[in-house]
Amino acid sequence: MKTQTKILIKGGRVIDPASAFDAIADVALADGVVQAIGKIAPDFVPTQTIDASGCIVAPGLVDLAVRLREPGHEHEHMLESEMAAAVAGGVTSLVCPPDTDPVLDEPGLVEMLRYRAEKLQQARVYPLGALTHGLAGETLTEMMQLTEAGCVAFSQADVALSNTQVLQRAFQYASTFGYAIWLRAQDFHLGQGVAASGALATRMGLSGVPVAAETIALHTIFELMRSTSARVHICRLSSGAGVELVRQAKRDGLNVTCDVSINSLHLTDADMGYFDSRARLNPPLRQQGDRDALRAGLLDGSIDALVSDHTPVDEDAKNLPFAESEPGATGVELLLSLALKWSADSGVSLARALDVISAGPAGVLGAALGKRQGRVGRLQVDGIADLCVFDPAVSWVIEPSALRSQGKHTPFSGYELPGRVRCTLVAGQVVYQA
């Protein structure tokens, strides 16, 4: 008979944003479930005790944008390294976009990714299926088969869809069967630049992406939502005008959610410096007014989640002239600390900072998680025992070489950030311990 795993986390400050619980309490875990918070039964005999004195005990983080580079880089063991990076950052559930190589447009590919991820027994992986075959924007994928294989929603990743009729058909089909569609709001023709339109891009001679690339796409998406009643998640808003359009869409009763990346929340186009390819990102970094509007939108709930937009890029693809380098940055290990930095910089409560990286993104996934896993992003009795224990008083300097991800490029290199993960648990098992 298998011995039941019992873990007691002692003396930490337990914060569950979903229930507004915030108190110093012990937490008892048994067989993958939170058995008790606060009052621990006298007959509970733990097989392991974790001292969380001075630490925060929070729900495991949920990251809605983590590229694992598999399928496509199996020979480089990318899945192992990126999953290790996730749990080191306190992330216990992550969503993988479909722009792998090959694209996640066939059930067999999705099943293979889920099988390999489950064998590692680290973070939970929720794949997004490709909305169109090969992300080419021409023919819809078999959404029902991909859902049965484990996809939680359907997306074009960062590939803009130019054919509005195809998008309308996708909305109609998804609405009929209750599927969600995740889209980057980017007009196909206006979104071809490498930097945000503005004085800086002009001085640097870089092709620009205007705010209108985002707002035109949002208007199209919202009009199609009105006629089809589709459920849509907008990925990585980048502009103040975009935030206001989403805010209005929510007031109008549209079934829309959205997220913002850690890059757009903290950085501006000025951080491109002298053609620093580490700041070559998609969406491109915009001006300070946009950054401030994104922060305000995240605070007031117009934006539902903060994501890492983790995109590991190798040396050869990054060490090129700015316009030729591959966009993307590593970020999954930085998500917690950059949420805490936002909290400190903006006077946001710790509970709100944790909400946008736990309960908020879990709510975006919603029914797609199913009954068994529908309580990820929460820390409650009888809930799944996915937890992150971190020390908020410890600061650390980002040294790319020390990151567990194979992607070592980040525009936050050299930053001193608050908060350090001490322990990550998934289904009641310790998967990372500092």
Protein backbone atom coordinates (compact mmCIF):
# COMPACT_ATOMS: atom_id res chain seq x y z
CA MET A 1 0.00 0.00 0.00
CA LYS A 2 1.34 3.43 -0.96
CA THR A 3 2.23 5.72 1.96
CA GLN A 4 0.18 8.89 1.96
CA THR A 5 2.29 12.04 1.63
CA LYS A 6 1.58 14.50 4.42
CA ILE A 7 3.25 17.91 4.59
CA LEU A 8 2.91 20.57 7.25
CA ILE A 9 3.85 24.15 6.32
CA LYS A 10 4.39 25.99 9.59
CA GLY A 11 4.27 29.63 10.60
CA GLY A 12 3.85 31.36 7.26
CA ARG A 13 1.57 34.23 6.31
CA VAL A 14 -1.10 32.54 4.24
CA ILE A 15 -2.64 34.72 1.52
CA ASP A 16 -5.42 33.48 -0.75
CA PRO A 17 -6.61 36.37 -2.94
CA ALA A 18 -9.65 34.42 -4.15
CA SER A 19 -11.16 34.19 -0.66
CA ALA A 20 -9.49 37.31 0.84
CA PHE A 21 -7.86 35.10 3.48
CA ASP A 22 -4.74 36.68 5.02
CA ALA A 23 -3.38 35.38 8.31
CA ILE A 24 -0.44 33.67 9.98
CA ALA A 25 -1.41 30.02 9.88
CA ASP A 26 -0.15 26.48 9.47
CA VAL A 27 -1.19 24.58 6.36
CA ALA A 28 -1.66 20.81 6.27
CA LEU A 29 -1.45 18.92 2.98
CA ALA A 30 -2.41 15.30 2.46
CA ASP A 31 -2.46 13.23 -0.71
CA GLY A 32 -2.36 16.23 -3.01
CA VAL A 33 -5.11 18.19 -1.27
CA VAL A 34 -5.15 21.05 1.24
CA GLN A 35 -6.49 19.31 4.34
CA ALA A 36 -6.51 22.21 6.80
CA ILE A 37 -5.52 25.86 7.20
CA GLY A 38 -5.05 27.17 10.72
CA LYS A 39 -6.53 24.49 12.97
CA ILE A 40 -4.59 21.30 12.34
CA ALA A 41 -6.11 18.06 13.59
CA PRO A 42 -4.17 16.51 16.52
CA ASP A 43 -3.89 13.19 14.67
CA PHE A 44 -2.25 14.80 11.62
CA VAL A 45 1.30 13.40 11.57
CA PRO A 46 3.35 14.95 8.74
CA THR A 47 6.00 13.05 6.82
CA GLN A 48 7.66 16.42 6.07
CA THR A 49 7.57 19.81 7.79
CA ILE A 50 8.42 23.08 6.01
CA ASP A 51 9.33 26.09 8.17
CA ALA A 52 7.68 29.11 6.49
CA SER A 53 8.42 31.65 9.23
CA GLY A 54 8.78 35.11 7.70
CA CYS A 55 7.52 33.80 4.35
CA ILE A 56 4.32 34.14 2.34
CA VAL A 57 2.39 30.95 1.61
CA ALA A 58 0.38 31.62 -1.55
CA PRO A 59 -1.45 29.67 -4.24
CA GLY A 60 0.82 28.31 -6.94
CA LEU A 61 1.19 30.88 -9.71
CA VAL A 62 -0.70 30.53 -12.99
CA ASP A 63 1.11 31.87 -16.07
CA LEU A 64 -0.94 32.22 -19.25
CA ALA A 65 1.98 32.61 -21.68
CA VAL A 66 4.95 30.24 -21.42
CA ARG A 67 6.67 28.91 -24.52
CA LEU A 68 8.29 25.55 -23.82
CA ARG A 69 9.82 25.19 -27.32
CA GLU A 70 8.46 21.64 -27.63
CA PRO A 71 7.64 20.04 -29.91
CA GLY A 72 10.64 21.23 -31.91
CA HIS A 73 13.60 21.26 -29.52
CA GLU A 74 13.39 17.83 -27.88
CA HIS A 75 17.08 17.17 -28.57
CA GLU A 76 17.99 20.22 -26.49
CA HIS A 77 15.85 19.10 -23.53
CA MET A 78 14.00 22.40 -23.65
CA LEU A 79 10.91 21.02 -21.93
CA GLU A 80 12.96 19.95 -18.91
CA SER A 81 14.78 23.27 -18.58
CA GLU A 82 11.72 25.49 -19.05
CA MET A 83 9.61 23.44 -16.64
CA ALA A 84 12.43 23.67 -14.08
CA ALA A 85 12.47 27.43 -14.63
CA ALA A 86 8.71 27.60 -14.06
CA VAL A 87 8.68 25.85 -10.69
CA ALA A 88 11.76 27.78 -9.57
CA GLY A 89 9.63 30.88 -10.12
CA GLY A 90 6.68 29.49 -8.17
CA VAL A 91 4.63 28.77 -11.31
CA THR A 92 2.59 25.58 -10.88
CA SER A 93 0.24 25.92 -13.87
CA LEU A 94 1.15 27.29 -17.29
CA VAL A 95 -0.42 27.74 -20.68
CA CYS A 96 1.66 26.89 -23.74
CA PRO A 97 0.92 28.81 -26.99
CA PRO A 98 0.57 26.73 -30.18
CA ASP A 99 3.47 28.28 -32.16
CA THR A 100 5.76 25.29 -31.69
CA ASP A 101 7.55 23.43 -34.49
CA PRO A 102 5.44 21.74 -35.73
CA VAL A 103 2.44 23.84 -34.74
CA LEU A 104 -0.02 22.35 -32.23
CA ASP A 105 -2.71 21.72 -34.82
CA GLU A 106 -2.95 17.91 -34.55
CA PRO A 107 -4.25 15.90 -31.56
CA GLY A 108 -1.19 13.62 -31.57
CA LEU A 109 1.18 16.55 -31.04
CA VAL A 110 -0.90 17.84 -28.13
CA GLU A 111 -1.05 14.41 -26.53
CA MET A 112 2.71 13.98 -26.89
CA LEU A 113 3.40 17.35 -25.22
CA ARG A 114 1.05 16.58 -22.33
CA TYR A 115 2.54 13.11 -21.87
CA ARG A 116 6.11 14.42 -21.74
CA ALA A 117 5.11 17.21 -19.37
CA GLU A 118 3.26 14.85 -17.03
CA LYS A 119 6.26 12.50 -16.90
CA LEU A 120 8.39 15.34 -15.50
CA GLN A 121 5.92 15.75 -12.59
CA GLN A 122 6.51 19.47 -12.24
CA ALA A 123 4.13 22.24 -13.34
CA ARG A 124 0.75 21.54 -14.90
CA VAL A 125 0.78 22.28 -18.65
CA TYR A 126 -2.31 23.47 -20.50
CA PRO A 127 -1.76 23.64 -24.29
CA LEU A 128 -3.49 26.08 -26.60
CA GLY A 129 -4.51 24.53 -29.89
CA ALA A 130 -3.84 26.32 -33.17
CA LEU A 131 -6.92 28.15 -34.42
CA THR A 132 -5.97 27.53 -38.07
CA HIS A 133 -3.84 24.81 -39.66
CA GLY A 134 -0.18 25.77 -39.47
CA LEU A 135 -1.33 29.17 -38.12
CA ALA A 136 -1.65 30.07 -41.80
CA GLY A 137 -5.04 31.74 -41.28
CA GLU A 138 -6.80 29.80 -44.03
CA THR A 139 -8.60 26.72 -42.68
CA LEU A 140 -9.85 26.07 -39.14
CA THR A 141 -8.43 23.18 -37.16
CA GLU A 142 -10.54 20.34 -35.75
CA MET A 143 -11.30 22.10 -32.47
CA MET A 144 -13.31 19.24 -31.02
CA GLN A 145 -10.51 16.73 -31.52
CA LEU A 146 -7.92 19.12 -30.12
CA THR A 147 -10.11 19.76 -27.07
CA GLU A 148 -10.40 16.02 -26.47
CA ALA A 149 -6.59 15.83 -26.71
CA GLY A 150 -6.27 18.40 -23.92
CA CYS A 151 -6.33 21.91 -25.44
CA VAL A 152 -7.96 24.52 -23.21
CA ALA A 153 -8.56 27.15 -25.92
CA PHE A 154 -7.53 28.11 -29.46
CA SER A 155 -5.09 30.75 -30.61
CA GLN A 156 -3.07 32.19 -33.46
CA ALA A 157 -0.22 32.93 -31.00
CA ASP A 158 1.56 36.05 -32.38
CA VAL A 159 0.47 35.42 -35.96
CA ALA A 160 -2.10 38.01 -37.05
CA LEU A 161 -5.10 36.66 -38.92
CA SER A 162 -5.79 38.80 -41.99
CA ASN A 163 -8.97 37.08 -43.21
CA THR A 164 -11.92 38.44 -41.23
CA GLN A 165 -14.26 35.82 -42.69
CA VAL A 166 -12.10 33.01 -41.31
CA LEU A 167 -12.11 34.76 -37.92
CA GLN A 168 -15.89 35.09 -38.00
CA ARG A 169 -16.29 31.38 -38.77
CA ALA A 170 -13.91 30.55 -35.91
CA PHE A 171 -15.99 32.66 -33.53
CA GLN A 172 -19.22 31.04 -34.69
CA TYR A 173 -17.86 27.52 -34.28
CA ALA A 174 -16.22 28.22 -30.93
CA SER A 175 -19.37 29.87 -29.60
CA THR A 176 -21.51 26.89 -30.65
CA PHE A 177 -19.37 24.41 -28.72
CA GLY A 178 -18.34 26.62 -25.80
CA TYR A 179 -14.67 27.00 -26.71
CA ALA A 180 -12.60 30.10 -25.98
CA ILE A 181 -10.44 31.92 -28.50
CA TRP A 182 -7.23 33.68 -27.44
CA LEU A 183 -5.95 36.40 -29.74
CA ARG A 184 -3.20 38.97 -29.94
CA ALA A 185 -4.94 42.15 -31.04
CA GLN A 186 -2.80 43.10 -34.00
CA ASP A 187 -3.82 44.19 -37.47
CA PHE A 188 -2.04 42.05 -40.06
CA HIS A 189 -0.90 44.95 -42.24
CA LEU A 190 -0.12 47.58 -39.59
CA GLY A 191 1.67 45.20 -37.25
CA GLN A 192 4.71 44.43 -39.40
CA GLY A 193 7.17 46.80 -37.68
CA VAL A 194 9.82 46.06 -35.06
CA ALA A 195 9.28 48.92 -32.58
CA ALA A 196 6.39 51.03 -31.32
CA SER A 197 5.67 54.00 -33.55
CA GLY A 198 6.90 57.23 -32.04
CA ALA A 199 9.68 59.77 -31.94
CA LEU A 200 12.23 57.25 -30.67
CA ALA A 201 11.57 54.66 -33.38
CA THR A 202 11.75 57.41 -36.00
CA ARG A 203 15.11 58.68 -34.70
CA MET A 204 16.47 55.13 -34.63
CA GLY A 205 15.24 54.41 -38.16
CA LEU A 206 13.14 51.44 -37.02
CA SER A 207 9.88 50.44 -38.70
CA GLY A 208 6.98 51.31 -36.40
CA VAL A 209 3.88 49.51 -35.13
CA PRO A 210 1.20 52.14 -34.43
CA VAL A 211 -1.32 51.91 -31.61
CA ALA A 212 -3.93 51.65 -34.37
CA ALA A 213 -2.61 48.14 -35.14
CA GLU A 214 -4.01 47.10 -31.76
CA THR A 215 -7.18 49.21 -31.67
CA ILE A 216 -8.33 48.32 -35.20
CA ALA A 217 -7.94 44.63 -34.36
CA LEU A 218 -9.84 45.11 -31.08
CA HIS A 219 -12.74 46.84 -32.85
CA THR A 220 -12.95 43.93 -35.30
CA ILE A 221 -12.82 41.34 -32.52
CA PHE A 222 -15.49 43.07 -30.46
CA GLU A 223 -17.86 43.49 -33.41
CA LEU A 224 -17.55 39.78 -34.20
CA MET A 225 -18.12 38.95 -30.54
CA ARG A 226 -21.35 40.95 -30.57
CA SER A 227 -22.70 38.96 -33.52
CA THR A 228 -21.52 35.52 -32.39
CA SER A 229 -21.48 35.66 -28.55
CA ALA A 230 -17.98 34.15 -28.62
CA ARG A 231 -15.76 34.06 -25.54
CA VAL A 232 -12.41 35.75 -26.24
CA HIS A 233 -9.21 36.35 -24.29
CA ILE A 234 -7.03 39.22 -25.51
CA CYS A 235 -3.36 38.36 -25.09
CA ARG A 236 -0.77 40.97 -24.09
CA LEU A 237 -2.40 44.35 -24.43
CA SER A 238 0.20 47.02 -25.09
CA SER A 239 -1.53 50.42 -25.26
CA GLY A 240 -3.61 52.78 -23.17
CA ALA A 241 -6.16 53.04 -25.99
CA GLY A 242 -6.41 49.25 -26.02
CA VAL A 243 -7.09 49.17 -22.29
CA GLU A 244 -9.92 51.67 -22.67
CA LEU A 245 -11.51 49.64 -25.48
CA VAL A 246 -11.41 46.48 -23.35
CA ARG A 247 -12.84 48.40 -20.40
CA GLN A 248 -15.74 49.58 -22.56
CA ALA A 249 -16.29 46.09 -23.99
CA LYS A 250 -16.61 44.71 -20.48
CA ARG A 251 -19.09 47.46 -19.58
CA ASP A 252 -21.07 46.45 -22.68
CA GLY A 253 -21.30 42.90 -21.36
CA LEU A 254 -19.00 41.17 -23.84
CA ASN A 255 -17.46 37.91 -22.60
CA VAL A 256 -13.87 39.18 -22.84
CA THR A 257 -10.79 38.88 -20.64
CA CYS A 258 -7.26 40.11 -21.23
CA ASP A 259 -3.70 40.06 -19.95
CA VAL A 260 -0.54 42.18 -20.01
CA SER A 261 3.08 41.04 -20.03
CA ILE A 262 5.65 41.83 -17.36
CA ASN A 263 7.61 43.60 -20.11
CA SER A 264 4.88 46.10 -21.03
CA LEU A 265 3.98 46.63 -17.36
CA HIS A 266 7.48 47.78 -16.40
CA LEU A 267 9.32 48.96 -19.50
CA THR A 268 8.94 51.61 -22.20
CA ASP A 269 10.43 52.14 -25.65
CA ALA A 270 13.26 54.09 -23.99
CA ASP A 271 14.52 50.75 -22.64
CA MET A 272 15.57 49.80 -26.17
CA GLY A 273 18.65 51.90 -25.40
CA TYR A 274 21.16 51.82 -28.22
CA PHE A 275 19.48 49.08 -30.30
CA ASP A 276 19.50 46.59 -27.39
CA SER A 277 18.06 43.40 -28.90
CA ARG A 278 17.10 42.16 -25.42
CA ALA A 279 14.29 44.72 -25.67
CA ARG A 280 13.16 43.40 -29.08
CA LEU A 281 9.78 42.16 -27.96
CA ASN A 282 6.37 41.35 -29.36
CA PRO A 283 4.27 43.40 -28.69
CA PRO A 284 6.85 46.19 -28.87
CA LEU A 285 7.46 48.40 -25.84
CA ARG A 286 5.39 51.57 -26.01
CA GLN A 287 5.59 55.00 -24.37
CA GLN A 288 5.29 55.84 -20.68
CA GLY A 289 1.65 56.91 -20.99
CA ASP A 290 0.77 53.48 -22.30
CA ARG A 291 2.70 51.78 -19.51
CA ASP A 292 0.91 53.88 -16.90
CA ALA A 293 -2.47 53.04 -18.44
CA LEU A 294 -1.62 49.32 -18.41
CA ARG A 295 -0.72 49.56 -14.73
CA ALA A 296 -3.99 51.32 -13.97
CA GLY A 297 -5.94 48.72 -15.95
CA LEU A 298 -4.33 45.88 -14.05
CA LEU A 299 -5.13 47.58 -10.75
CA ASP A 300 -8.81 48.26 -11.48
CA GLY A 301 -9.49 44.83 -12.97
CA SER A 302 -9.89 45.88 -16.59
CA ILE A 303 -6.88 43.63 -17.19
CA ASP A 304 -7.41 40.19 -15.66
CA ALA A 305 -3.91 38.73 -15.50
CA LEU A 306 -0.19 39.44 -15.58
CA VAL A 307 1.86 37.02 -17.69
CA SER A 308 5.55 36.39 -18.21
CA ASP A 309 5.29 35.98 -22.01
CA HIS A 310 8.21 33.60 -21.54
CA THR A 311 9.93 33.19 -24.92
CA PRO A 312 13.41 31.65 -24.70
CA VAL A 313 15.57 32.79 -27.62
CA ASP A 314 18.99 31.34 -28.38
CA GLU A 315 22.21 33.32 -28.78
CA ASP A 316 22.37 33.15 -32.56
CA ALA A 317 18.85 34.54 -32.95
CA LYS A 318 19.33 37.37 -30.44
CA ASN A 319 22.83 38.56 -31.19
CA LEU A 320 21.86 40.25 -34.43
CA PRO A 321 21.04 43.84 -35.42
CA PHE A 322 17.89 44.95 -33.58
CA ALA A 323 15.48 44.69 -36.51
CA GLU A 324 16.80 41.27 -37.52
CA SER A 325 16.89 39.68 -34.07
CA GLU A 326 14.16 37.31 -32.92
CA PRO A 327 11.62 38.95 -30.59
CA GLY A 328 11.19 37.50 -27.13
CA ALA A 329 12.67 37.27 -23.66
CA THR A 330 12.87 34.78 -20.84
CA GLY A 331 10.48 35.63 -18.03
CA VAL A 332 8.80 32.76 -16.18
CA GLU A 333 11.32 32.91 -13.31
CA LEU A 334 10.73 36.66 -13.00
CA LEU A 335 6.92 36.74 -12.89
CA LEU A 336 6.53 36.72 -9.10
CA SER A 337 9.26 39.26 -8.39
CA LEU A 338 8.05 41.64 -11.09
CA ALA A 339 4.51 41.41 -9.71
CA LEU A 340 5.93 42.31 -6.29
CA LYS A 341 7.88 45.19 -7.84
CA TRP A 342 4.65 46.49 -9.39
CA SER A 343 3.06 46.26 -5.94
CA ALA A 344 5.90 48.24 -4.35
CA ASP A 345 6.15 50.83 -7.14
CA SER A 346 2.42 51.49 -7.40
CA GLY A 347 1.27 51.06 -3.81
CA VAL A 348 -0.76 48.02 -4.80
CA SER A 349 -1.66 45.57 -2.03
CA LEU A 350 0.24 42.30 -1.85
CA ALA A 351 -3.05 40.41 -2.19
CA ARG A 352 -3.84 42.20 -5.47
CA ALA A 353 -0.34 41.54 -6.81
CA LEU A 354 -0.78 37.84 -6.06
CA ASP A 355 -4.32 37.82 -7.46
CA VAL A 356 -3.20 38.81 -10.99
CA ILE A 357 -0.75 35.88 -11.10
CA SER A 358 -2.95 33.25 -9.45
CA ALA A 359 -6.75 33.50 -9.13
CA GLY A 360 -7.06 36.04 -11.95
CA PRO A 361 -5.43 33.93 -14.67
CA ALA A 362 -7.07 30.78 -13.29
CA GLY A 363 -10.40 32.52 -13.80
CA VAL A 364 -9.48 33.15 -17.45
CA LEU A 365 -9.01 29.41 -17.92
CA GLY A 366 -12.29 28.81 -16.11
CA ALA A 367 -14.35 25.83 -17.17
CA ALA A 368 -11.61 24.58 -19.51
CA LEU A 369 -9.79 23.20 -16.47
CA GLY A 370 -12.61 20.83 -15.62
CA LYS A 371 -13.96 19.97 -12.18
CA ARG A 372 -10.83 18.22 -10.93
CA GLN A 373 -8.43 21.09 -11.56
CA GLY A 374 -10.88 23.97 -11.44
CA ARG A 375 -9.41 25.24 -8.18
CA VAL A 376 -5.87 25.99 -9.32
CA GLY A 377 -4.82 29.50 -8.38
CA ARG A 378 -6.50 29.15 -4.98
CA LEU A 379 -5.37 28.08 -1.55
CA GLN A 380 -8.41 26.64 0.19
CA VAL A 381 -9.37 23.61 2.24
CA ASP A 382 -10.17 20.62 0.00
CA GLY A 383 -8.52 22.43 -2.92
CA ILE A 384 -5.58 21.26 -5.00
CA ALA A 385 -2.32 21.53 -3.06
CA ASP A 386 -0.42 23.73 -5.52
CA LEU A 387 1.51 26.24 -3.41
CA CYS A 388 4.30 28.78 -3.61
CA VAL A 389 6.27 29.70 -0.50
CA PHE A 390 8.41 32.82 -0.91
CA ASP A 391 10.37 35.25 1.22
CA PRO A 392 9.21 38.82 0.45
CA ALA A 393 12.10 40.39 2.38
CA VAL A 394 14.85 38.89 0.21
CA SER A 395 15.99 40.78 -2.88
CA TRP A 396 18.06 39.38 -5.71
CA VAL A 397 19.86 40.65 -8.78
CA ILE A 398 18.95 39.12 -12.12
CA GLU A 399 22.01 37.41 -13.55
CA PRO A 400 21.03 35.78 -16.86
CA SER A 401 23.64 33.02 -16.51
CA ALA A 402 21.98 31.90 -13.26
CA LEU A 403 18.52 31.49 -14.81
CA ARG A 404 17.35 27.92 -15.28
CA SER A 405 15.77 28.65 -18.64
CA GLN A 406 17.87 28.01 -21.71
CA GLY A 407 16.85 31.49 -22.82
CA LYS A 408 19.28 33.83 -21.09
CA HIS A 409 18.10 37.08 -22.67
CA THR A 410 16.00 39.49 -20.61
CA PRO A 411 15.64 43.28 -20.65
CA PHE A 412 15.64 43.07 -16.84
CA SER A 413 19.24 41.88 -16.66
CA GLY A 414 20.96 43.53 -13.69
CA TYR A 415 17.69 44.60 -12.03
CA GLU A 416 17.39 44.10 -8.27
CA LEU A 417 14.00 42.57 -7.54
CA PRO A 418 12.08 41.72 -4.36
CA GLY A 419 10.94 38.26 -3.32
CA ARG A 420 12.60 34.87 -3.61
CA VAL A 421 10.84 31.53 -3.97
CA ARG A 422 11.80 29.11 -1.20
CA CYS A 423 9.57 26.19 -2.08
CA THR A 424 7.09 25.18 -4.78
CA LEU A 425 4.61 22.34 -4.38
CA VAL A 426 2.42 20.74 -7.05
CA ALA A 427 -0.31 18.31 -6.00
CA GLY A 428 1.17 18.23 -2.52
CA GLN A 429 4.66 17.25 -3.72
CA VAL A 430 7.76 19.47 -3.36
CA VAL A 431 8.97 20.13 -6.91
CA TYR A 432 11.40 22.93 -6.05
CA GLN A 433 13.22 23.91 -2.88
CA ALA A 434 15.90 26.60 -2.61
